[in-house]
Amino acid sequence: MRGAVILLNPLNVFFLGFRNVAVPEGVRLLERSAAALRSRTAIISFSLAFLAAAWGAILLSLPSSVGTALLGATWPAARSVILPLTIATVGSGLTIGPAAALRSLVAVRRSLRTRLAIAPITILVAIVGVQRAGAPGAAWALAASTCAGAGVWWWQFLRALAEYGRPRADARTTG
């Protein structure tokens, strides 16, 4: 898995940097309209997911000689987990937009609840995956949990966006 992660790391570094830009951009878009934020969030997420899929396809199409030149004797084992780790990276790309948008909406509780729900599930399925099928099992478990987590992030974002701008009943003012 380490070898495949090394090959996917340039993309993960790009994603990490992109998160830093996405939040202020989301705030700027939200000043325009909630629809603009929703639209740009979708564009960002699906573009990053496509980029991850393309990067993974490039890695999967590498000739063995190139893979071996990059990773040495670990290439065959690394190649066996590139597909599921690429799918996990696609899921990560799908998550970046709604996670940043929730921060733009200052939906801190939703973001925290989502992180607290997804993290232990990811760890648990990875442990089960490794126990059942070794590194490939862990990689497929990570792919499944990351993609499912992306769905949760989108659900939370769309709920927060629907609530945005609605007046809230505040217990302190209703007294």
N, C-alpha and C. Protein backbone atom coordinates (compact mmCIF):
# COMPACT_ATOMS: atom_id res chain seq x y z
N MET A 1 0.83 -1.20 0.00
CA MET A 1 0.00 0.00 0.00
C MET A 1 0.87 1.25 0.00
N ARG A 2 1.98 1.18 0.67
CA ARG A 2 2.86 2.35 0.78
C ARG A 2 3.30 2.82 -0.61
N GLY A 3 3.64 1.89 -1.47
CA GLY A 3 4.07 2.25 -2.82
C GLY A 3 2.98 2.95 -3.60
N ALA A 4 1.76 2.42 -3.53
CA ALA A 4 0.64 3.05 -4.24
C ALA A 4 0.34 4.43 -3.67
N VAL A 5 0.43 4.56 -2.36
CA VAL A 5 0.19 5.85 -1.73
C VAL A 5 1.23 6.86 -2.20
N ILE A 6 2.48 6.43 -2.33
CA ILE A 6 3.54 7.33 -2.81
C ILE A 6 3.20 7.83 -4.21
N LEU A 7 2.70 6.95 -5.06
CA LEU A 7 2.35 7.35 -6.43
C LEU A 7 1.14 8.27 -6.47
N LEU A 8 0.25 8.15 -5.50
CA LEU A 8 -0.94 9.00 -5.45
C LEU A 8 -0.70 10.29 -4.66
N ASN A 9 0.41 10.38 -3.95
CA ASN A 9 0.67 11.55 -3.10
C ASN A 9 0.70 12.89 -3.82
N PRO A 10 1.24 13.00 -5.03
CA PRO A 10 1.19 14.32 -5.68
C PRO A 10 -0.24 14.85 -5.79
N LEU A 11 -1.16 13.97 -6.07
CA LEU A 11 -2.56 14.36 -6.17
C LEU A 11 -3.11 14.75 -4.79
N ASN A 12 -2.75 13.99 -3.78
CA ASN A 12 -3.22 14.30 -2.42
C ASN A 12 -2.67 15.64 -1.94
N VAL A 13 -1.43 15.97 -2.29
CA VAL A 13 -0.86 17.26 -1.93
C VAL A 13 -1.62 18.38 -2.64
N PHE A 14 -1.94 18.17 -3.90
CA PHE A 14 -2.74 19.14 -4.65
C PHE A 14 -4.09 19.34 -3.98
N PHE A 15 -4.74 18.25 -3.60
CA PHE A 15 -6.05 18.34 -2.93
C PHE A 15 -5.94 19.12 -1.63
N LEU A 16 -4.89 18.87 -0.88
CA LEU A 16 -4.69 19.58 0.39
C LEU A 16 -4.56 21.08 0.16
N GLY A 17 -3.77 21.46 -0.82
CA GLY A 17 -3.63 22.88 -1.16
C GLY A 17 -4.93 23.48 -1.65
N PHE A 18 -5.68 22.71 -2.40
CA PHE A 18 -6.94 23.19 -2.95
C PHE A 18 -7.95 23.50 -1.84
N ARG A 19 -7.93 22.70 -0.78
CA ARG A 19 -8.83 22.95 0.35
C ARG A 19 -8.62 24.34 0.93
N ASN A 20 -7.36 24.79 0.97
CA ASN A 20 -7.06 26.10 1.53
C ASN A 20 -7.64 27.24 0.69
N VAL A 21 -7.79 27.02 -0.60
CA VAL A 21 -8.34 28.03 -1.50
C VAL A 21 -9.86 27.95 -1.56
N ALA A 22 -10.40 26.77 -1.37
CA ALA A 22 -11.83 26.56 -1.56
C ALA A 22 -12.70 27.28 -0.53
N VAL A 23 -12.24 27.37 0.71
CA VAL A 23 -13.07 28.01 1.74
C VAL A 23 -13.27 29.50 1.48
N PRO A 24 -12.20 30.29 1.27
CA PRO A 24 -12.45 31.70 0.98
C PRO A 24 -13.25 31.91 -0.31
N GLU A 25 -13.01 31.05 -1.29
CA GLU A 25 -13.79 31.14 -2.54
C GLU A 25 -15.26 30.86 -2.25
N GLY A 26 -15.53 29.88 -1.38
CA GLY A 26 -16.91 29.58 -1.00
C GLY A 26 -17.59 30.74 -0.31
N VAL A 27 -16.87 31.42 0.57
CA VAL A 27 -17.43 32.60 1.25
C VAL A 27 -17.75 33.68 0.23
N ARG A 28 -16.86 33.90 -0.71
CA ARG A 28 -17.10 34.90 -1.75
C ARG A 28 -18.33 34.54 -2.59
N LEU A 29 -18.45 33.28 -2.94
CA LEU A 29 -19.61 32.85 -3.73
C LEU A 29 -20.91 32.96 -2.95
N LEU A 30 -20.84 32.65 -1.67
CA LEU A 30 -22.03 32.71 -0.83
C LEU A 30 -22.55 34.14 -0.73
N GLU A 31 -21.66 35.12 -0.79
CA GLU A 31 -22.10 36.52 -0.79
C GLU A 31 -22.93 36.82 -2.03
N ARG A 32 -22.64 36.11 -3.11
CA ARG A 32 -23.41 36.28 -4.35
C ARG A 32 -24.75 35.57 -4.24
N SER A 33 -24.68 34.24 -3.95
CA SER A 33 -25.92 33.47 -3.78
C SER A 33 -25.60 32.04 -3.33
N ALA A 34 -26.57 31.43 -2.69
CA ALA A 34 -26.42 30.03 -2.28
C ALA A 34 -26.34 29.13 -3.51
N ALA A 35 -27.04 29.49 -4.56
CA ALA A 35 -27.00 28.69 -5.79
C ALA A 35 -25.61 28.71 -6.41
N ALA A 36 -24.93 29.85 -6.33
CA ALA A 36 -23.57 29.93 -6.86
C ALA A 36 -22.63 29.02 -6.07
N LEU A 37 -22.81 28.99 -4.76
CA LEU A 37 -21.98 28.09 -3.93
C LEU A 37 -22.26 26.63 -4.28
N ARG A 38 -23.52 26.29 -4.41
CA ARG A 38 -23.89 24.90 -4.74
C ARG A 38 -23.30 24.49 -6.09
N SER A 39 -23.42 25.35 -7.06
CA SER A 39 -22.92 25.06 -8.40
C SER A 39 -21.40 24.90 -8.40
N ARG A 40 -20.70 25.83 -7.79
CA ARG A 40 -19.24 25.78 -7.78
C ARG A 40 -18.74 24.59 -6.96
N THR A 41 -19.46 24.25 -5.89
CA THR A 41 -19.08 23.08 -5.09
C THR A 41 -19.14 21.82 -5.93
N ALA A 42 -20.19 21.70 -6.72
CA ALA A 42 -20.32 20.53 -7.60
C ALA A 42 -19.21 20.52 -8.66
N ILE A 43 -18.95 21.66 -9.25
CA ILE A 43 -17.90 21.73 -10.28
C ILE A 43 -16.55 21.34 -9.69
N ILE A 44 -16.23 21.90 -8.53
CA ILE A 44 -14.95 21.60 -7.87
C ILE A 44 -14.85 20.11 -7.56
N SER A 45 -15.87 19.58 -6.92
CA SER A 45 -15.82 18.19 -6.48
C SER A 45 -15.71 17.22 -7.65
N PHE A 46 -16.52 17.42 -8.66
CA PHE A 46 -16.49 16.49 -9.78
C PHE A 46 -15.23 16.66 -10.63
N SER A 47 -14.70 17.87 -10.70
CA SER A 47 -13.44 18.08 -11.41
C SER A 47 -12.29 17.37 -10.69
N LEU A 48 -12.25 17.49 -9.36
CA LEU A 48 -11.20 16.82 -8.59
C LEU A 48 -11.36 15.30 -8.66
N ALA A 49 -12.59 14.83 -8.64
CA ALA A 49 -12.81 13.38 -8.77
C ALA A 49 -12.35 12.89 -10.14
N PHE A 50 -12.64 13.65 -11.18
CA PHE A 50 -12.19 13.28 -12.52
C PHE A 50 -10.67 13.28 -12.59
N LEU A 51 -10.04 14.29 -11.99
CA LEU A 51 -8.58 14.35 -11.98
C LEU A 51 -8.00 13.13 -11.28
N ALA A 52 -8.60 12.72 -10.17
CA ALA A 52 -8.14 11.53 -9.45
C ALA A 52 -8.29 10.28 -10.31
N ALA A 53 -9.42 10.17 -10.99
CA ALA A 53 -9.64 9.00 -11.85
C ALA A 53 -8.62 8.98 -13.00
N ALA A 54 -8.35 10.13 -13.57
CA ALA A 54 -7.38 10.20 -14.67
C ALA A 54 -5.98 9.85 -14.18
N TRP A 55 -5.61 10.38 -13.01
CA TRP A 55 -4.28 10.08 -12.44
C TRP A 55 -4.17 8.57 -12.18
N GLY A 56 -5.21 7.98 -11.63
CA GLY A 56 -5.20 6.54 -11.38
C GLY A 56 -5.11 5.74 -12.66
N ALA A 57 -5.82 6.19 -13.70
CA ALA A 57 -5.75 5.49 -14.98
C ALA A 57 -4.33 5.54 -15.55
N ILE A 58 -3.67 6.68 -15.39
CA ILE A 58 -2.27 6.79 -15.84
C ILE A 58 -1.40 5.80 -15.08
N LEU A 59 -1.57 5.77 -13.75
CA LEU A 59 -0.77 4.84 -12.94
C LEU A 59 -1.03 3.39 -13.32
N LEU A 60 -2.30 3.06 -13.56
CA LEU A 60 -2.64 1.68 -13.92
C LEU A 60 -2.11 1.29 -15.30
N SER A 61 -1.91 2.29 -16.16
CA SER A 61 -1.43 1.98 -17.51
C SER A 61 0.10 2.01 -17.62
N LEU A 62 0.78 2.30 -16.50
CA LEU A 62 2.24 2.30 -16.55
C LEU A 62 2.77 0.92 -16.90
N PRO A 63 3.73 0.84 -17.81
CA PRO A 63 4.36 -0.44 -18.08
C PRO A 63 5.10 -0.92 -16.83
N SER A 64 5.22 -2.21 -16.68
CA SER A 64 5.92 -2.77 -15.51
C SER A 64 7.33 -2.23 -15.37
N SER A 65 7.98 -1.98 -16.48
CA SER A 65 9.36 -1.46 -16.41
C SER A 65 9.39 -0.08 -15.75
N VAL A 66 8.41 0.75 -16.03
CA VAL A 66 8.35 2.09 -15.43
C VAL A 66 7.98 1.96 -13.95
N GLY A 67 6.99 1.12 -13.65
CA GLY A 67 6.62 0.89 -12.26
C GLY A 67 7.77 0.38 -11.42
N THR A 68 8.52 -0.55 -11.99
CA THR A 68 9.68 -1.09 -11.28
C THR A 68 10.77 -0.04 -11.13
N ALA A 69 10.94 0.81 -12.14
CA ALA A 69 11.93 1.89 -12.03
C ALA A 69 11.54 2.87 -10.92
N LEU A 70 10.24 3.08 -10.74
CA LEU A 70 9.78 4.02 -9.72
C LEU A 70 9.81 3.42 -8.31
N LEU A 71 9.36 2.16 -8.20
CA LEU A 71 9.17 1.57 -6.87
C LEU A 71 10.01 0.33 -6.60
N GLY A 72 10.77 -0.08 -7.57
CA GLY A 72 11.59 -1.27 -7.38
C GLY A 72 10.74 -2.53 -7.23
N ALA A 73 11.17 -3.39 -6.33
CA ALA A 73 10.52 -4.69 -6.16
C ALA A 73 9.11 -4.58 -5.57
N THR A 74 8.75 -3.42 -5.05
CA THR A 74 7.40 -3.27 -4.47
C THR A 74 6.34 -2.96 -5.52
N TRP A 75 6.74 -2.75 -6.78
CA TRP A 75 5.79 -2.40 -7.83
C TRP A 75 4.64 -3.39 -7.97
N PRO A 76 4.87 -4.70 -8.08
CA PRO A 76 3.73 -5.60 -8.26
C PRO A 76 2.71 -5.52 -7.12
N ALA A 77 3.17 -5.42 -5.89
CA ALA A 77 2.25 -5.31 -4.75
C ALA A 77 1.54 -3.96 -4.78
N ALA A 78 2.26 -2.90 -5.11
CA ALA A 78 1.66 -1.58 -5.17
C ALA A 78 0.62 -1.51 -6.27
N ARG A 79 0.93 -2.09 -7.42
CA ARG A 79 0.00 -2.07 -8.55
C ARG A 79 -1.32 -2.74 -8.20
N SER A 80 -1.26 -3.76 -7.34
CA SER A 80 -2.48 -4.49 -6.98
C SER A 80 -3.46 -3.67 -6.15
N VAL A 81 -3.00 -2.58 -5.56
CA VAL A 81 -3.90 -1.74 -4.75
C VAL A 81 -4.10 -0.35 -5.35
N ILE A 82 -3.54 -0.09 -6.52
CA ILE A 82 -3.73 1.23 -7.13
C ILE A 82 -5.20 1.48 -7.44
N LEU A 83 -5.92 0.51 -7.98
CA LEU A 83 -7.32 0.73 -8.33
C LEU A 83 -8.16 1.11 -7.10
N PRO A 84 -8.15 0.32 -6.03
CA PRO A 84 -8.98 0.73 -4.89
C PRO A 84 -8.51 2.04 -4.25
N LEU A 85 -7.22 2.29 -4.22
CA LEU A 85 -6.75 3.55 -3.65
C LEU A 85 -7.08 4.73 -4.56
N THR A 86 -7.14 4.50 -5.86
CA THR A 86 -7.60 5.54 -6.79
C THR A 86 -9.07 5.84 -6.52
N ILE A 87 -9.87 4.81 -6.32
CA ILE A 87 -11.29 5.02 -6.02
C ILE A 87 -11.43 5.79 -4.71
N ALA A 88 -10.60 5.48 -3.72
CA ALA A 88 -10.61 6.24 -2.46
C ALA A 88 -10.24 7.70 -2.72
N THR A 89 -9.30 7.95 -3.62
CA THR A 89 -8.90 9.31 -3.94
C THR A 89 -10.00 10.03 -4.70
N VAL A 90 -10.72 9.32 -5.55
CA VAL A 90 -11.90 9.90 -6.21
C VAL A 90 -12.91 10.33 -5.14
N GLY A 91 -13.15 9.45 -4.16
CA GLY A 91 -14.06 9.79 -3.06
C GLY A 91 -13.57 11.00 -2.29
N SER A 92 -12.28 11.09 -2.09
CA SER A 92 -11.70 12.24 -1.40
C SER A 92 -11.93 13.52 -2.21
N GLY A 93 -11.77 13.44 -3.51
CA GLY A 93 -12.03 14.59 -4.37
C GLY A 93 -13.48 15.03 -4.29
N LEU A 94 -14.39 14.06 -4.23
CA LEU A 94 -15.81 14.39 -4.10
C LEU A 94 -16.13 15.04 -2.76
N THR A 95 -15.30 14.80 -1.77
CA THR A 95 -15.51 15.33 -0.43
C THR A 95 -15.02 16.77 -0.27
N ILE A 96 -14.03 17.16 -1.02
CA ILE A 96 -13.40 18.47 -0.82
C ILE A 96 -14.40 19.62 -0.98
N GLY A 97 -15.21 19.58 -2.00
CA GLY A 97 -16.18 20.65 -2.22
C GLY A 97 -17.16 20.83 -1.07
N PRO A 98 -17.90 19.79 -0.69
CA PRO A 98 -18.87 19.98 0.39
C PRO A 98 -18.22 20.27 1.74
N ALA A 99 -17.06 19.71 2.00
CA ALA A 99 -16.38 19.99 3.28
C ALA A 99 -15.99 21.47 3.35
N ALA A 100 -15.44 21.99 2.26
CA ALA A 100 -15.08 23.41 2.23
C ALA A 100 -16.33 24.29 2.26
N ALA A 101 -17.37 23.87 1.57
CA ALA A 101 -18.61 24.66 1.55
C ALA A 101 -19.25 24.72 2.94
N LEU A 102 -19.18 23.62 3.68
CA LEU A 102 -19.70 23.65 5.05
C LEU A 102 -18.93 24.67 5.89
N ARG A 103 -17.63 24.74 5.69
CA ARG A 103 -16.85 25.74 6.40
C ARG A 103 -17.22 27.14 5.94
N SER A 104 -17.50 27.31 4.66
CA SER A 104 -17.93 28.60 4.14
C SER A 104 -19.27 29.02 4.74
N LEU A 105 -20.12 28.05 4.98
CA LEU A 105 -21.43 28.30 5.58
C LEU A 105 -21.35 28.44 7.10
N VAL A 106 -20.17 28.26 7.65
CA VAL A 106 -19.93 28.26 9.10
C VAL A 106 -20.84 27.22 9.76
N ALA A 107 -20.96 26.08 9.13
CA ALA A 107 -21.76 24.96 9.67
C ALA A 107 -20.81 24.04 10.44
N VAL A 108 -20.27 24.57 11.50
CA VAL A 108 -19.23 23.89 12.26
C VAL A 108 -19.74 22.59 12.87
N ARG A 109 -20.92 22.62 13.43
CA ARG A 109 -21.45 21.40 14.06
C ARG A 109 -21.66 20.29 13.05
N ARG A 110 -22.21 20.63 11.90
CA ARG A 110 -22.41 19.62 10.85
C ARG A 110 -21.07 19.03 10.41
N SER A 111 -20.10 19.88 10.22
CA SER A 111 -18.78 19.42 9.79
C SER A 111 -18.16 18.51 10.85
N LEU A 112 -18.22 18.91 12.09
CA LEU A 112 -17.66 18.10 13.17
C LEU A 112 -18.38 16.77 13.29
N ARG A 113 -19.71 16.79 13.26
CA ARG A 113 -20.47 15.54 13.35
C ARG A 113 -20.13 14.60 12.21
N THR A 114 -19.97 15.16 11.02
CA THR A 114 -19.63 14.33 9.86
C THR A 114 -18.26 13.69 10.05
N ARG A 115 -17.30 14.47 10.47
CA ARG A 115 -15.95 13.93 10.70
C ARG A 115 -15.97 12.86 11.79
N LEU A 116 -16.69 13.14 12.87
CA LEU A 116 -16.74 12.18 13.99
C LEU A 116 -17.48 10.90 13.61
N ALA A 117 -18.39 10.97 12.68
CA ALA A 117 -19.11 9.77 12.24
C ALA A 117 -18.28 8.95 11.26
N ILE A 118 -17.61 9.62 10.36
CA ILE A 118 -16.90 8.92 9.29
C ILE A 118 -15.58 8.32 9.76
N ALA A 119 -14.83 9.01 10.59
CA ALA A 119 -13.50 8.55 10.99
C ALA A 119 -13.50 7.17 11.63
N PRO A 120 -14.32 6.90 12.66
CA PRO A 120 -14.28 5.56 13.25
C PRO A 120 -14.77 4.47 12.31
N ILE A 121 -15.71 4.81 11.45
CA ILE A 121 -16.20 3.82 10.48
C ILE A 121 -15.09 3.45 9.51
N THR A 122 -14.35 4.46 9.05
CA THR A 122 -13.23 4.21 8.14
C THR A 122 -12.19 3.32 8.78
N ILE A 123 -11.85 3.62 10.02
CA ILE A 123 -10.86 2.80 10.74
C ILE A 123 -11.37 1.37 10.91
N LEU A 124 -12.62 1.23 11.30
CA LEU A 124 -13.19 -0.09 11.52
C LEU A 124 -13.22 -0.92 10.24
N VAL A 125 -13.70 -0.35 9.15
CA VAL A 125 -13.76 -1.14 7.90
C VAL A 125 -12.36 -1.46 7.38
N ALA A 126 -11.40 -0.57 7.60
CA ALA A 126 -10.02 -0.86 7.18
C ALA A 126 -9.46 -2.03 7.98
N ILE A 127 -9.74 -2.07 9.27
CA ILE A 127 -9.27 -3.19 10.10
C ILE A 127 -9.92 -4.50 9.65
N VAL A 128 -11.21 -4.47 9.41
CA VAL A 128 -11.90 -5.66 8.92
C VAL A 128 -11.35 -6.07 7.56
N GLY A 129 -11.12 -5.09 6.68
CA GLY A 129 -10.59 -5.38 5.36
C GLY A 129 -9.22 -6.03 5.42
N VAL A 130 -8.35 -5.52 6.27
CA VAL A 130 -7.01 -6.09 6.38
C VAL A 130 -7.06 -7.49 7.00
N GLN A 131 -7.96 -7.71 7.93
CA GLN A 131 -8.09 -9.04 8.54
C GLN A 131 -8.61 -10.05 7.53
N ARG A 132 -9.50 -9.63 6.67
CA ARG A 132 -10.11 -10.56 5.70
C ARG A 132 -9.26 -10.79 4.46
N ALA A 133 -8.58 -9.73 3.99
CA ALA A 133 -7.89 -9.87 2.70
C ALA A 133 -6.57 -9.12 2.63
N GLY A 134 -5.96 -8.83 3.74
CA GLY A 134 -4.66 -8.16 3.72
C GLY A 134 -4.73 -6.75 3.18
N ALA A 135 -3.65 -6.32 2.56
CA ALA A 135 -3.58 -4.95 2.04
C ALA A 135 -4.66 -4.66 1.00
N PRO A 136 -4.92 -5.58 0.06
CA PRO A 136 -6.01 -5.29 -0.89
C PRO A 136 -7.36 -5.12 -0.19
N GLY A 137 -7.62 -5.91 0.84
CA GLY A 137 -8.87 -5.77 1.59
C GLY A 137 -8.96 -4.42 2.27
N ALA A 138 -7.86 -3.97 2.85
CA ALA A 138 -7.84 -2.65 3.49
C ALA A 138 -8.05 -1.55 2.46
N ALA A 139 -7.42 -1.70 1.29
CA ALA A 139 -7.55 -0.69 0.24
C ALA A 139 -8.99 -0.61 -0.27
N TRP A 140 -9.63 -1.75 -0.48
CA TRP A 140 -11.03 -1.75 -0.94
C TRP A 140 -11.95 -1.22 0.15
N ALA A 141 -11.67 -1.53 1.40
CA ALA A 141 -12.48 -1.00 2.50
C ALA A 141 -12.34 0.52 2.56
N LEU A 142 -11.12 1.00 2.38
CA LEU A 142 -10.90 2.45 2.38
C LEU A 142 -11.65 3.10 1.21
N ALA A 143 -11.62 2.47 0.06
CA ALA A 143 -12.35 3.00 -1.11
C ALA A 143 -13.84 3.10 -0.80
N ALA A 144 -14.40 2.04 -0.25
CA ALA A 144 -15.83 2.02 0.05
C ALA A 144 -16.19 3.08 1.10
N SER A 145 -15.40 3.16 2.15
CA SER A 145 -15.75 4.11 3.21
C SER A 145 -15.55 5.56 2.76
N THR A 146 -14.56 5.82 1.94
CA THR A 146 -14.33 7.18 1.45
C THR A 146 -15.45 7.63 0.53
N CYS A 147 -15.88 6.73 -0.34
CA CYS A 147 -16.98 7.09 -1.25
C CYS A 147 -18.29 7.24 -0.49
N ALA A 148 -18.54 6.37 0.47
CA ALA A 148 -19.75 6.51 1.29
C ALA A 148 -19.66 7.80 2.11
N GLY A 149 -18.48 8.10 2.61
CA GLY A 149 -18.28 9.34 3.36
C GLY A 149 -18.55 10.57 2.50
N ALA A 150 -18.18 10.50 1.22
CA ALA A 150 -18.46 11.62 0.31
C ALA A 150 -19.96 11.86 0.22
N GLY A 151 -20.72 10.78 0.20
CA GLY A 151 -22.18 10.92 0.19
C GLY A 151 -22.70 11.61 1.44
N VAL A 152 -22.11 11.28 2.58
CA VAL A 152 -22.51 11.92 3.84
C VAL A 152 -22.15 13.40 3.82
N TRP A 153 -20.95 13.71 3.34
CA TRP A 153 -20.57 15.12 3.25
C TRP A 153 -21.54 15.89 2.36
N TRP A 154 -21.90 15.34 1.21
CA TRP A 154 -22.84 16.01 0.31
C TRP A 154 -24.21 16.18 0.96
N TRP A 155 -24.66 15.16 1.63
CA TRP A 155 -25.96 15.23 2.30
C TRP A 155 -25.95 16.35 3.34
N GLN A 156 -24.90 16.42 4.14
CA GLN A 156 -24.80 17.46 5.16
C GLN A 156 -24.70 18.86 4.52
N PHE A 157 -23.94 18.97 3.46
CA PHE A 157 -23.82 20.25 2.78
C PHE A 157 -25.16 20.71 2.23
N LEU A 158 -25.85 19.83 1.54
CA LEU A 158 -27.13 20.22 0.95
C LEU A 158 -28.16 20.57 2.02
N ARG A 159 -28.15 19.88 3.14
CA ARG A 159 -29.04 20.23 4.26
C ARG A 159 -28.68 21.60 4.83
N ALA A 160 -27.39 21.84 5.01
CA ALA A 160 -26.96 23.14 5.55
C ALA A 160 -27.30 24.26 4.58
N LEU A 161 -27.15 24.00 3.30
CA LEU A 161 -27.46 25.02 2.30
C LEU A 161 -28.95 25.33 2.28
N ALA A 162 -29.76 24.30 2.44
CA ALA A 162 -31.22 24.50 2.49
C ALA A 162 -31.62 25.33 3.71
N GLU A 163 -30.90 25.17 4.80
CA GLU A 163 -31.20 25.92 6.02
C GLU A 163 -30.60 27.32 6.00
N TYR A 164 -29.66 27.56 5.12
CA TYR A 164 -28.96 28.84 5.09
C TYR A 164 -29.94 29.98 4.82
N GLY A 165 -29.86 30.99 5.63
CA GLY A 165 -30.70 32.16 5.43
C GLY A 165 -32.07 32.07 6.08
N ARG A 166 -32.45 30.89 6.52
CA ARG A 166 -33.74 30.78 7.22
C ARG A 166 -33.59 31.38 8.61
N PRO A 167 -34.62 32.07 9.06
CA PRO A 167 -34.53 32.56 10.44
C PRO A 167 -34.55 31.39 11.41
N ARG A 168 -33.74 31.50 12.44
CA ARG A 168 -33.65 30.42 13.44
C ARG A 168 -34.35 30.85 14.71
N ALA A 169 -35.02 29.90 15.30
CA ALA A 169 -35.61 30.14 16.60
C ALA A 169 -34.50 30.06 17.63
N ASP A 170 -34.24 31.13 18.29
CA ASP A 170 -33.18 31.18 19.28
C ASP A 170 -33.80 31.22 20.67
N ALA A 171 -33.47 30.25 21.48
CA ALA A 171 -34.07 30.12 22.81
C ALA A 171 -33.80 31.36 23.66
N ARG A 172 -32.69 32.02 23.43
CA ARG A 172 -32.38 33.19 24.25
C ARG A 172 -33.30 34.37 23.94
N THR A 173 -33.76 34.47 22.70
CA THR A 173 -34.60 35.62 22.35
C THR A 173 -36.07 35.32 22.51
N THR A 174 -36.44 34.04 22.54
CA THR A 174 -37.86 33.71 22.69
C THR A 174 -38.25 33.54 24.13
N GLY A 175 -37.29 33.61 25.01
CA GLY A 175 -37.39 33.64 26.37
C GLY A 175 -38.14 32.99 27.31
